[in-house]
Amino acid sequence: FYGPDPKQSASYGRIITIPSFKRLQSYLQNAEIILGGYSSEADRYIAPTLVRDVPLEHPLMQQELFGPILPTRPYQSLEEAINLITSKP
């Protein structure tokens, strides 16, 4: 969507503040990143990032991120996924 290098795209947004950037970066510590993960504090840039098998207790699953990070969780059936989603606020 943003071309082969989103960092070079004029349409790809940046994180608004350094504290917000650092908050998002802290969520990625010890996370299993399966795509992306590159960041630059000087540019307040975080590449589109996918994170695998994120526990429900992790801040990635508890907070509104306002950043280009997508946490994922495995499931065995569509019903299991829907039940998990509808059990949360």
Protein backbone atom coordinates (compact mmCIF):
# COMPACT_ATOMS: atom_id res chain seq x y z
CA PHE A 1 0.00 0.00 0.00
CA TYR A 2 2.90 2.36 0.76
CA GLY A 3 5.30 0.91 -1.79
CA PRO A 4 8.30 -1.33 -1.24
CA ASP A 5 9.74 0.96 1.47
CA PRO A 6 7.04 2.59 3.64
CA LYS A 7 9.67 4.77 5.34
CA GLN A 8 10.12 6.64 2.04
CA SER A 9 6.39 7.14 1.47
CA ALA A 10 5.05 10.65 2.04
CA SER A 11 1.69 9.04 2.89
CA TYR A 12 2.96 6.79 5.69
CA GLY A 13 2.46 8.52 9.03
CA ARG A 14 4.89 8.87 11.90
CA ILE A 15 4.38 8.45 15.62
CA ILE A 16 3.33 11.83 17.01
CA THR A 17 5.63 12.15 20.03
CA ILE A 18 8.84 10.58 21.32
CA PRO A 19 7.06 9.31 24.49
CA SER A 20 4.48 7.57 22.29
CA PHE A 21 7.26 6.13 20.13
CA LYS A 22 9.07 4.79 23.23
CA ARG A 23 5.82 3.32 24.59
CA LEU A 24 5.26 1.40 21.35
CA GLN A 25 8.90 0.30 21.26
CA SER A 26 8.61 -1.04 24.80
CA TYR A 27 5.68 -3.23 23.73
CA LEU A 28 7.93 -4.90 21.16
CA GLN A 29 10.59 -5.92 23.70
CA ASN A 30 10.71 -9.72 23.94
CA ALA A 31 7.90 -10.02 21.38
CA GLU A 32 8.08 -12.48 18.50
CA ILE A 33 8.15 -10.14 15.51
CA ILE A 34 7.29 -11.96 12.30
CA LEU A 35 7.31 -8.98 9.93
CA GLY A 36 8.65 -5.45 10.23
CA GLY A 37 9.94 -4.25 13.56
CA TYR A 38 12.39 -1.71 12.12
CA SER A 39 12.18 1.68 13.81
CA SER A 40 13.96 5.02 13.95
CA GLU A 41 13.50 7.24 16.99
CA ALA A 42 14.97 10.24 15.15
CA ASP A 43 12.20 9.96 12.53
CA ARG A 44 9.56 8.62 14.99
CA TYR A 45 9.13 5.83 12.41
CA ILE A 46 7.98 2.29 13.09
CA ALA A 47 7.65 -0.05 10.14
CA PRO A 48 4.39 -1.97 9.74
CA THR A 49 4.92 -4.76 12.26
CA LEU A 50 3.24 -8.12 12.90
CA VAL A 51 3.75 -9.83 16.26
CA ARG A 52 3.00 -13.55 16.77
CA ASP A 53 1.31 -15.38 19.65
CA VAL A 54 0.75 -12.36 21.89
CA PRO A 55 -0.59 -13.30 25.36
CA LEU A 56 -3.86 -11.66 26.34
CA GLU A 57 -2.13 -10.04 29.32
CA HIS A 58 0.47 -8.29 27.14
CA PRO A 59 0.07 -4.50 26.68
CA LEU A 60 -0.25 -5.09 22.92
CA MET A 61 -3.54 -6.84 23.69
CA GLN A 62 -4.63 -4.48 26.48
CA GLN A 63 -3.92 -0.97 25.16
CA GLU A 64 -5.06 1.08 22.22
CA LEU A 65 -1.86 1.15 20.22
CA PHE A 66 -2.20 4.13 17.87
CA GLY A 67 0.72 2.71 15.94
CA PRO A 68 1.51 0.34 13.06
CA ILE A 69 1.68 -2.83 15.18
CA LEU A 70 -0.68 -5.76 14.71
CA PRO A 71 -0.61 -8.40 17.47
CA THR A 72 -1.82 -11.87 16.44
CA ARG A 73 -2.99 -14.94 18.36
CA PRO A 74 -3.50 -18.51 17.19
CA TYR A 75 -6.91 -20.16 17.30
CA GLN A 76 -8.25 -23.62 16.49
CA SER A 77 -11.68 -22.64 15.18
CA LEU A 78 -13.60 -19.59 14.07
CA GLU A 79 -15.95 -20.14 17.01
CA GLU A 80 -13.00 -19.97 19.43
CA ALA A 81 -11.84 -16.68 17.89
CA ILE A 82 -15.33 -15.15 18.00
CA ASN A 83 -15.84 -16.26 21.63
CA LEU A 84 -12.55 -14.66 22.64
CA ILE A 85 -13.39 -11.41 20.87
CA THR A 86 -16.92 -11.15 22.26
CA SER A 87 -15.71 -11.91 25.81
CA LYS A 88 -13.68 -8.69 25.85
CA PRO A 89 -14.85 -5.08 26.14
